[in-house]
Amino acid sequence: MTAWLRYREGFRVNRKRVRRVMGEHELLVLQRVHRAKRTSQRNKPRAERPHQYWGIDMSVPQKATWEMRVWPLAFGLQGLDANHRKRRW
């Protein structure tokens, strides 16, 4: 409607005002709302002991797992340990 009024009729109009006036007179078409499809979330692996996090799981050709542990040290520092293991399926 705004483009029609500007270019065909030659009026200087504000698109927000045109939309507001059309809404007041119930001339707007309802817009469809497209929502993202949600997938089911998998459970995260549980840590077996404190300060343990599980990371990468590579699927081809053999499953490999990275285990990372973080533990507190003196003076606010943290230690990091990463281990690589191959799983046999």
PDB file of N, CA and C in Angstrom:
ATOM      1  N   MET A   1       0.828  -1.186   0.000  1.00  0.00           N
ATOM      2  CA  MET A   1       0.000   0.000   0.000  1.00  0.00           C
ATOM      3  C   MET A   1       0.874   1.252   0.000  1.00  0.00           C
ATOM      4  N   THR A   2       1.945   1.231   0.787  1.00  0.00           N
ATOM      5  CA  THR A   2       2.831   2.392   0.859  1.00  0.00           C
ATOM      6  C   THR A   2       3.454   2.666  -0.503  1.00  0.00           C
ATOM      7  N   ALA A   3       3.906   1.622  -1.193  1.00  0.00           N
ATOM      8  CA  ALA A   3       4.508   1.797  -2.514  1.00  0.00           C
ATOM      9  C   ALA A   3       3.490   2.364  -3.499  1.00  0.00           C
ATOM     10  N   TRP A   4       2.259   1.885  -3.422  1.00  0.00           N
ATOM     11  CA  TRP A   4       1.205   2.391  -4.314  1.00  0.00           C
ATOM     12  C   TRP A   4       0.981   3.883  -4.084  1.00  0.00           C
ATOM     13  N   LEU A   5       0.869   4.270  -2.820  1.00  0.00           N
ATOM     14  CA  LEU A   5       0.633   5.679  -2.513  1.00  0.00           C
ATOM     15  C   LEU A   5       1.811   6.551  -2.937  1.00  0.00           C
ATOM     16  N   ARG A   6       3.027   6.051  -2.794  1.00  0.00           N
ATOM     17  CA  ARG A   6       4.208   6.845  -3.146  1.00  0.00           C
ATOM     18  C   ARG A   6       4.377   6.999  -4.654  1.00  0.00           C
ATOM     19  N   TYR A   7       4.370   5.882  -5.363  1.00  0.00           N
ATOM     20  CA  TYR A   7       4.765   5.917  -6.767  1.00  0.00           C
ATOM     21  C   TYR A   7       3.603   6.109  -7.733  1.00  0.00           C
ATOM     22  N   ARG A   8       2.432   5.612  -7.401  1.00  0.00           N
ATOM     23  CA  ARG A   8       1.290   5.755  -8.306  1.00  0.00           C
ATOM     24  C   ARG A   8       0.506   7.040  -8.038  1.00  0.00           C
ATOM     25  N   GLU A   9       0.299   7.327  -6.740  1.00  0.00           N
ATOM     26  CA  GLU A   9      -0.512   8.486  -6.378  1.00  0.00           C
ATOM     27  C   GLU A   9       0.330   9.727  -6.115  1.00  0.00           C
ATOM     28  N   GLY A  10       1.636   9.523  -5.839  1.00  0.00           N
ATOM     29  CA  GLY A  10       2.526  10.671  -5.649  1.00  0.00           C
ATOM     30  C   GLY A  10       2.486  11.288  -4.257  1.00  0.00           C
ATOM     31  N   PHE A  11       1.946  10.573  -3.258  1.00  0.00           N
ATOM     32  CA  PHE A  11       1.900  11.099  -1.893  1.00  0.00           C
ATOM     33  C   PHE A  11       3.202  10.785  -1.165  1.00  0.00           C
ATOM     34  N   ARG A  12       3.598  11.663  -0.255  1.00  0.00           N
ATOM     35  CA  ARG A  12       4.725  11.381   0.630  1.00  0.00           C
ATOM     36  C   ARG A  12       4.140  10.797   1.910  1.00  0.00           C
ATOM     37  N   VAL A  13       4.310   9.493   2.102  1.00  0.00           N
ATOM     38  CA  VAL A  13       3.714   8.818   3.253  1.00  0.00           C
ATOM     39  C   VAL A  13       4.784   8.053   4.014  1.00  0.00           C
ATOM     40  N   ASN A  14       4.510   7.835   5.301  1.00  0.00           N
ATOM     41  CA  ASN A  14       5.380   7.064   6.169  1.00  0.00           C
ATOM     42  C   ASN A  14       4.825   5.643   6.228  1.00  0.00           C
ATOM     43  N   ARG A  15       5.689   4.633   5.982  1.00  0.00           N
ATOM     44  CA  ARG A  15       5.208   3.249   5.948  1.00  0.00           C
ATOM     45  C   ARG A  15       4.642   2.808   7.293  1.00  0.00           C
ATOM     46  N   LYS A  16       5.209   3.318   8.398  1.00  0.00           N
ATOM     47  CA  LYS A  16       4.718   2.934   9.724  1.00  0.00           C
ATOM     48  C   LYS A  16       3.325   3.512   9.972  1.00  0.00           C
ATOM     49  N   ARG A  17       3.112   4.711   9.516  1.00  0.00           N
ATOM     50  CA  ARG A  17       1.799   5.328   9.697  1.00  0.00           C
ATOM     51  C   ARG A  17       0.747   4.609   8.859  1.00  0.00           C
ATOM     52  N   VAL A  18       1.118   4.254   7.627  1.00  0.00           N
ATOM     53  CA  VAL A  18       0.185   3.522   6.766  1.00  0.00           C
ATOM     54  C   VAL A  18      -0.176   2.187   7.406  1.00  0.00           C
ATOM     55  N   ARG A  19       0.806   1.495   7.949  1.00  0.00           N
ATOM     56  CA  ARG A  19       0.548   0.200   8.597  1.00  0.00           C
ATOM     57  C   ARG A  19      -0.348   0.373   9.825  1.00  0.00           C
ATOM     58  N   ARG A  20      -0.114   1.421  10.613  1.00  0.00           N
ATOM     59  CA  ARG A  20      -0.932   1.659  11.803  1.00  0.00           C
ATOM     60  C   ARG A  20      -2.378   1.955  11.418  1.00  0.00           C
ATOM     61  N   VAL A  21      -2.584   2.814  10.417  1.00  0.00           N
ATOM     62  CA  VAL A  21      -3.942   3.172   9.998  1.00  0.00           C
ATOM     63  C   VAL A  21      -4.661   1.953   9.418  1.00  0.00           C
ATOM     64  N   MET A  22      -3.945   1.156   8.624  1.00  0.00           N
ATOM     65  CA  MET A  22      -4.567  -0.049   8.072  1.00  0.00           C
ATOM     66  C   MET A  22      -4.930  -1.033   9.182  1.00  0.00           C
ATOM     67  N   GLY A  23      -4.083  -1.129  10.219  1.00  0.00           N
ATOM     68  CA  GLY A  23      -4.389  -1.998  11.346  1.00  0.00           C
ATOM     69  C   GLY A  23      -5.609  -1.530  12.118  1.00  0.00           C
ATOM     70  N   GLU A  24      -5.759  -0.221  12.278  1.00  0.00           N
ATOM     71  CA  GLU A  24      -6.926   0.324  12.987  1.00  0.00           C
ATOM     72  C   GLU A  24      -8.222   0.015  12.248  1.00  0.00           C
ATOM     73  N   HIS A  25      -8.161  -0.055  10.920  1.00  0.00           N
ATOM     74  CA  HIS A  25      -9.353  -0.334  10.117  1.00  0.00           C
ATOM     75  C   HIS A  25      -9.461  -1.808   9.725  1.00  0.00           C
ATOM     76  N   GLU A  26      -8.637  -2.660  10.354  1.00  0.00           N
ATOM     77  CA  GLU A  26      -8.639  -4.107  10.138  1.00  0.00           C
ATOM     78  C   GLU A  26      -8.474  -4.474   8.668  1.00  0.00           C
ATOM     79  N   LEU A  27      -7.517  -3.847   8.016  1.00  0.00           N
ATOM     80  CA  LEU A  27      -7.236  -4.112   6.607  1.00  0.00           C
ATOM     81  C   LEU A  27      -5.960  -4.923   6.396  1.00  0.00           C
ATOM     82  N   LEU A  28      -5.292  -5.307   7.479  1.00  0.00           N
ATOM     83  CA  LEU A  28      -4.049  -6.066   7.362  1.00  0.00           C
ATOM     84  C   LEU A  28      -4.339  -7.559   7.278  1.00  0.00           C
ATOM     85  N   VAL A  29      -3.533  -8.253   6.502  1.00  0.00           N
ATOM     86  CA  VAL A  29      -3.625  -9.707   6.406  1.00  0.00           C
ATOM     87  C   VAL A  29      -2.743 -10.286   7.499  1.00  0.00           C
ATOM     88  N   LEU A  30      -3.250 -11.320   8.201  1.00  0.00           N
ATOM     89  CA  LEU A  30      -2.456 -11.944   9.249  1.00  0.00           C
ATOM     90  C   LEU A  30      -1.244 -12.639   8.646  1.00  0.00           C
ATOM     91  N   GLN A  31      -0.094 -12.433   9.252  1.00  0.00           N
ATOM     92  CA  GLN A  31       1.147 -13.047   8.787  1.00  0.00           C
ATOM     93  C   GLN A  31       1.317 -14.400   9.455  1.00  0.00           C
ATOM     94  N   ARG A  32       1.808 -15.372   8.706  1.00  0.00           N
ATOM     95  CA  ARG A  32       2.099 -16.678   9.287  1.00  0.00           C
ATOM     96  C   ARG A  32       3.405 -16.596  10.060  1.00  0.00           C
ATOM     97  N   VAL A  33       3.434 -17.273  11.179  1.00  0.00           N
ATOM     98  CA  VAL A  33       4.642 -17.327  11.988  1.00  0.00           C
ATOM     99  C   VAL A  33       5.311 -18.662  11.714  1.00  0.00           C
ATOM    100  N   HIS A  34       6.529 -18.619  11.178  1.00  0.00           N
ATOM    101  CA  HIS A  34       7.283 -19.840  10.904  1.00  0.00           C
ATOM    102  C   HIS A  34       8.214 -20.092  12.076  1.00  0.00           C
ATOM    103  N   ARG A  35       7.966 -21.160  12.777  1.00  0.00           N
ATOM    104  CA  ARG A  35       8.800 -21.502  13.924  1.00  0.00           C
ATOM    105  C   ARG A  35       9.763 -22.620  13.539  1.00  0.00           C
ATOM    106  N   ALA A  36      10.933 -22.595  14.142  1.00  0.00           N
ATOM    107  CA  ALA A  36      11.931 -23.630  13.876  1.00  0.00           C
ATOM    108  C   ALA A  36      11.458 -24.953  14.460  1.00  0.00           C
ATOM    109  N   LYS A  37      11.729 -26.027  13.745  1.00  0.00           N
ATOM    110  CA  LYS A  37      11.365 -27.346  14.249  1.00  0.00           C
ATOM    111  C   LYS A  37      12.374 -27.764  15.297  1.00  0.00           C
ATOM    112  N   ARG A  38      11.892 -28.151  16.426  1.00  0.00           N
ATOM    113  CA  ARG A  38      12.756 -28.572  17.524  1.00  0.00           C
ATOM    114  C   ARG A  38      12.964 -30.079  17.459  1.00  0.00           C
ATOM    115  N   THR A  39      14.207 -30.488  17.624  1.00  0.00           N
ATOM    116  CA  THR A  39      14.510 -31.915  17.656  1.00  0.00           C
ATOM    117  C   THR A  39      14.686 -32.339  19.102  1.00  0.00           C
ATOM    118  N   SER A  40      14.535 -33.626  19.318  1.00  0.00           N
ATOM    119  CA  SER A  40      14.705 -34.115  20.681  1.00  0.00           C
ATOM    120  C   SER A  40      16.167 -33.988  21.089  1.00  0.00           C
ATOM    121  N   GLN A  41      16.388 -33.661  22.332  1.00  0.00           N
ATOM    122  CA  GLN A  41      17.747 -33.480  22.826  1.00  0.00           C
ATOM    123  C   GLN A  41      18.222 -34.774  23.467  1.00  0.00           C
ATOM    124  N   ARG A  42      19.457 -35.123  23.173  1.00  0.00           N
ATOM    125  CA  ARG A  42      20.033 -36.327  23.762  1.00  0.00           C
ATOM    126  C   ARG A  42      20.562 -36.009  25.150  1.00  0.00           C
ATOM    127  N   ASN A  43      20.593 -37.035  25.971  1.00  0.00           N
ATOM    128  CA  ASN A  43      21.155 -36.864  27.305  1.00  0.00           C
ATOM    129  C   ASN A  43      22.668 -36.754  27.208  1.00  0.00           C
ATOM    130  N   LYS A  44      23.236 -35.847  27.952  1.00  0.00           N
ATOM    131  CA  LYS A  44      24.680 -35.692  27.975  1.00  0.00           C
ATOM    132  C   LYS A  44      25.291 -36.806  28.818  1.00  0.00           C
ATOM    133  N   PRO A  45      26.512 -37.244  28.470  1.00  0.00           N
ATOM    134  CA  PRO A  45      27.150 -38.269  29.297  1.00  0.00           C
ATOM    135  C   PRO A  45      27.439 -37.738  30.694  1.00  0.00           C
ATOM    136  N   ARG A  46      27.290 -38.594  31.661  1.00  0.00           N
ATOM    137  CA  ARG A  46      27.507 -38.208  33.047  1.00  0.00           C
ATOM    138  C   ARG A  46      28.979 -38.361  33.407  1.00  0.00           C
ATOM    139  N   ALA A  47      29.494 -37.470  34.227  1.00  0.00           N
ATOM    140  CA  ALA A  47      30.872 -37.566  34.702  1.00  0.00           C
ATOM    141  C   ALA A  47      30.962 -38.661  35.760  1.00  0.00           C
ATOM    142  N   GLU A  48      32.057 -39.402  35.721  1.00  0.00           N
ATOM    143  CA  GLU A  48      32.242 -40.482  36.685  1.00  0.00           C
ATOM    144  C   GLU A  48      32.875 -39.991  37.973  1.00  0.00           C
ATOM    145  N   ARG A  49      33.565 -38.866  37.914  1.00  0.00           N
ATOM    146  CA  ARG A  49      34.199 -38.292  39.102  1.00  0.00           C
ATOM    147  C   ARG A  49      34.207 -36.770  38.947  1.00  0.00           C
ATOM    148  N   PRO A  50      34.504 -36.023  39.986  1.00  0.00           N
ATOM    149  CA  PRO A  50      34.477 -34.567  39.913  1.00  0.00           C
ATOM    150  C   PRO A  50      35.472 -34.019  38.892  1.00  0.00           C
ATOM    151  N   HIS A  51      35.144 -32.895  38.297  1.00  0.00           N
ATOM    152  CA  HIS A  51      35.992 -32.168  37.342  1.00  0.00           C
ATOM    153  C   HIS A  51      36.296 -32.991  36.097  1.00  0.00           C
ATOM    154  N   GLN A  52      35.339 -33.760  35.621  1.00  0.00           N
ATOM    155  CA  GLN A  52      35.533 -34.575  34.429  1.00  0.00           C
ATOM    156  C   GLN A  52      34.498 -34.157  33.384  1.00  0.00           C
ATOM    157  N   TYR A  53      34.951 -33.927  32.153  1.00  0.00           N
ATOM    158  CA  TYR A  53      34.071 -33.535  31.063  1.00  0.00           C
ATOM    159  C   TYR A  53      34.331 -34.462  29.882  1.00  0.00           C
ATOM    160  N   TRP A  54      33.273 -34.820  29.160  1.00  0.00           N
ATOM    161  CA  TRP A  54      33.434 -35.661  27.982  1.00  0.00           C
ATOM    162  C   TRP A  54      33.337 -34.776  26.762  1.00  0.00           C
ATOM    163  N   GLY A  55      34.188 -35.077  25.763  1.00  0.00           N
ATOM    164  CA  GLY A  55      34.261 -34.203  24.600  1.00  0.00           C
ATOM    165  C   GLY A  55      33.888 -34.873  23.300  1.00  0.00           C
ATOM    166  N   ILE A  56      34.833 -35.006  22.397  1.00  0.00           N
ATOM    167  CA  ILE A  56      34.600 -35.392  21.017  1.00  0.00           C
ATOM    168  C   ILE A  56      34.299 -36.885  20.909  1.00  0.00           C
ATOM    169  N   ASP A  57      33.333 -37.222  20.062  1.00  0.00           N
ATOM    170  CA  ASP A  57      33.023 -38.613  19.757  1.00  0.00           C
ATOM    171  C   ASP A  57      33.090 -38.764  18.239  1.00  0.00           C
ATOM    172  N   MET A  58      34.167 -39.331  17.700  1.00  0.00           N
ATOM    173  CA  MET A  58      34.324 -39.468  16.258  1.00  0.00           C
ATOM    174  C   MET A  58      33.795 -40.836  15.853  1.00  0.00           C
ATOM    175  N   SER A  59      33.066 -40.908  14.758  1.00  0.00           N
ATOM    176  CA  SER A  59      32.356 -42.139  14.431  1.00  0.00           C
ATOM    177  C   SER A  59      33.018 -43.000  13.356  1.00  0.00           C
ATOM    178  N   VAL A  60      33.949 -42.472  12.570  1.00  0.00           N
ATOM    179  CA  VAL A  60      34.518 -43.262  11.477  1.00  0.00           C
ATOM    180  C   VAL A  60      36.021 -43.269  11.595  1.00  0.00           C
ATOM    181  N   PRO A  61      36.756 -44.321  11.419  1.00  0.00           N
ATOM    182  CA  PRO A  61      36.303 -45.698  11.302  1.00  0.00           C
ATOM    183  C   PRO A  61      36.092 -46.349  12.655  1.00  0.00           C
ATOM    184  N   GLN A  62      36.798 -45.885  13.690  1.00  0.00           N
ATOM    185  CA  GLN A  62      36.589 -46.418  15.032  1.00  0.00           C
ATOM    186  C   GLN A  62      36.147 -45.273  15.926  1.00  0.00           C
ATOM    187  N   LYS A  63      35.398 -45.613  16.929  1.00  0.00           N
ATOM    188  CA  LYS A  63      34.971 -44.581  17.868  1.00  0.00           C
ATOM    189  C   LYS A  63      36.145 -44.177  18.736  1.00  0.00           C
ATOM    190  N   ALA A  64      36.375 -42.896  18.824  1.00  0.00           N
ATOM    191  CA  ALA A  64      37.441 -42.386  19.680  1.00  0.00           C
ATOM    192  C   ALA A  64      36.824 -41.401  20.662  1.00  0.00           C
ATOM    193  N   THR A  65      37.277 -41.409  21.876  1.00  0.00           N
ATOM    194  CA  THR A  65      36.720 -40.554  22.913  1.00  0.00           C
ATOM    195  C   THR A  65      37.831 -39.755  23.562  1.00  0.00           C
ATOM    196  N   TRP A  66      37.563 -38.513  23.761  1.00  0.00           N
ATOM    197  CA  TRP A  66      38.494 -37.649  24.486  1.00  0.00           C
ATOM    198  C   TRP A  66      37.935 -37.417  25.874  1.00  0.00           C
ATOM    199  N   GLU A  67      38.735 -37.615  26.862  1.00  0.00           N
ATOM    200  CA  GLU A  67      38.334 -37.370  28.243  1.00  0.00           C
ATOM    201  C   GLU A  67      39.185 -36.217  28.757  1.00  0.00           C
ATOM    202  N   MET A  68      38.529 -35.185  29.238  1.00  0.00           N
ATOM    203  CA  MET A  68      39.260 -34.035  29.763  1.00  0.00           C
ATOM    204  C   MET A  68      38.913 -33.852  31.225  1.00  0.00           C
ATOM    205  N   ARG A  69      39.907 -33.608  32.029  1.00  0.00           N
ATOM    206  CA  ARG A  69      39.695 -33.352  33.444  1.00  0.00           C
ATOM    207  C   ARG A  69      40.326 -32.017  33.796  1.00  0.00           C
ATOM    208  N   VAL A  70      39.645 -31.263  34.610  1.00  0.00           N
ATOM    209  CA  VAL A  70      40.154 -29.987  35.104  1.00  0.00           C
ATOM    210  C   VAL A  70      40.135 -30.063  36.617  1.00  0.00           C
ATOM    211  N   TRP A  71      41.230 -29.699  37.246  1.00  0.00           N
ATOM    212  CA  TRP A  71      41.264 -29.718  38.698  1.00  0.00           C
ATOM    213  C   TRP A  71      41.909 -28.437  39.199  1.00  0.00           C
ATOM    214  N   PRO A  72      41.467 -27.956  40.357  1.00  0.00           N
ATOM    215  CA  PRO A  72      41.994 -26.709  40.895  1.00  0.00           C
ATOM    216  C   PRO A  72      43.408 -26.893  41.441  1.00  0.00           C
ATOM    217  N   LEU A  73      44.230 -25.875  41.249  1.00  0.00           N
ATOM    218  CA  LEU A  73      45.585 -25.832  41.800  1.00  0.00           C
ATOM    219  C   LEU A  73      45.692 -24.633  42.731  1.00  0.00           C
ATOM    220  N   ALA A  74      46.861 -24.418  43.263  1.00  0.00           N
ATOM    221  CA  ALA A  74      47.084 -23.298  44.185  1.00  0.00           C
ATOM    222  C   ALA A  74      46.995 -21.966  43.437  1.00  0.00           C
ATOM    223  N   PHE A  75      46.684 -20.917  44.148  1.00  0.00           N
ATOM    224  CA  PHE A  75      46.634 -19.536  43.654  1.00  0.00           C
ATOM    225  C   PHE A  75      45.615 -19.349  42.528  1.00  0.00           C
ATOM    226  N   GLY A  76      44.533 -20.101  42.542  1.00  0.00           N
ATOM    227  CA  GLY A  76      43.468 -19.929  41.556  1.00  0.00           C
ATOM    228  C   GLY A  76      43.775 -20.510  40.185  1.00  0.00           C
ATOM    229  N   LEU A  77      44.858 -21.256  40.032  1.00  0.00           N
ATOM    230  CA  LEU A  77      45.186 -21.872  38.751  1.00  0.00           C
ATOM    231  C   LEU A  77      44.445 -23.191  38.604  1.00  0.00           C
ATOM    232  N   GLN A  78      44.331 -23.659  37.369  1.00  0.00           N
ATOM    233  CA  GLN A  78      43.669 -24.929  37.117  1.00  0.00           C
ATOM    234  C   GLN A  78      44.569 -25.802  36.260  1.00  0.00           C
ATOM    235  N   GLY A  79      44.533 -27.103  36.516  1.00  0.00           N
ATOM    236  CA  GLY A  79      45.272 -28.058  35.705  1.00  0.00           C
ATOM    237  C   GLY A  79      44.348 -28.701  34.691  1.00  0.00           C
ATOM    238  N   LEU A  80      44.894 -29.124  33.555  1.00  0.00           N
ATOM    239  CA  LEU A  80      44.101 -29.730  32.496  1.00  0.00           C
ATOM    240  C   LEU A  80      44.779 -31.015  32.054  1.00  0.00           C
ATOM    241  N   ASP A  81      43.995 -32.083  31.925  1.00  0.00           N
ATOM    242  CA  ASP A  81      44.513 -33.368  31.490  1.00  0.00           C
ATOM    243  C   ASP A  81      43.575 -33.900  30.414  1.00  0.00           C
ATOM    244  N   ALA A  82      44.129 -34.302  29.265  1.00  0.00           N
ATOM    245  CA  ALA A  82      43.313 -34.846  28.181  1.00  0.00           C
ATOM    246  C   ALA A  82      43.839 -36.223  27.819  1.00  0.00           C
ATOM    247  N   ASN A  83      42.946 -37.198  27.751  1.00  0.00           N
ATOM    248  CA  ASN A  83      43.305 -38.565  27.397  1.00  0.00           C
ATOM    249  C   ASN A  83      42.511 -38.983  26.174  1.00  0.00           C
ATOM    250  N   HIS A  84      43.149 -39.733  25.281  1.00  0.00           N
ATOM    251  CA  HIS A  84      42.501 -40.237  24.075  1.00  0.00           C
ATOM    252  C   HIS A  84      42.404 -41.754  24.175  1.00  0.00           C
ATOM    253  N   ARG A  85      41.186 -42.267  23.997  1.00  0.00           N
ATOM    254  CA  ARG A  85      40.986 -43.712  24.052  1.00  0.00           C
ATOM    255  C   ARG A  85      40.178 -44.140  22.842  1.00  0.00           C
ATOM    256  N   LYS A  86      40.473 -45.315  22.328  1.00  0.00           N
ATOM    257  CA  LYS A  86      39.671 -45.874  21.248  1.00  0.00           C
ATOM    258  C   LYS A  86      38.703 -46.885  21.838  1.00  0.00           C
ATOM    259  N   ARG A  87      37.474 -46.810  21.380  1.00  0.00           N
ATOM    260  CA  ARG A  87      36.468 -47.770  21.816  1.00  0.00           C
ATOM    261  C   ARG A  87      36.364 -48.879  20.781  1.00  0.00           C
ATOM    262  N   ARG A  88      36.131 -50.053  21.226  1.00  0.00           N
ATOM    263  CA  ARG A  88      35.925 -51.175  20.309  1.00  0.00           C
ATOM    264  C   ARG A  88      34.449 -51.572  20.390  1.00  0.00           C
ATOM    265  N   TRP A  89      33.760 -51.474  19.256  1.00  0.00           N
ATOM    266  CA  TRP A  89      32.319 -51.759  19.240  1.00  0.00           C
ATOM    267  C   TRP A  89      32.066 -53.090  18.663  1.00  0.00           C
TER     268      TRP A  89
END
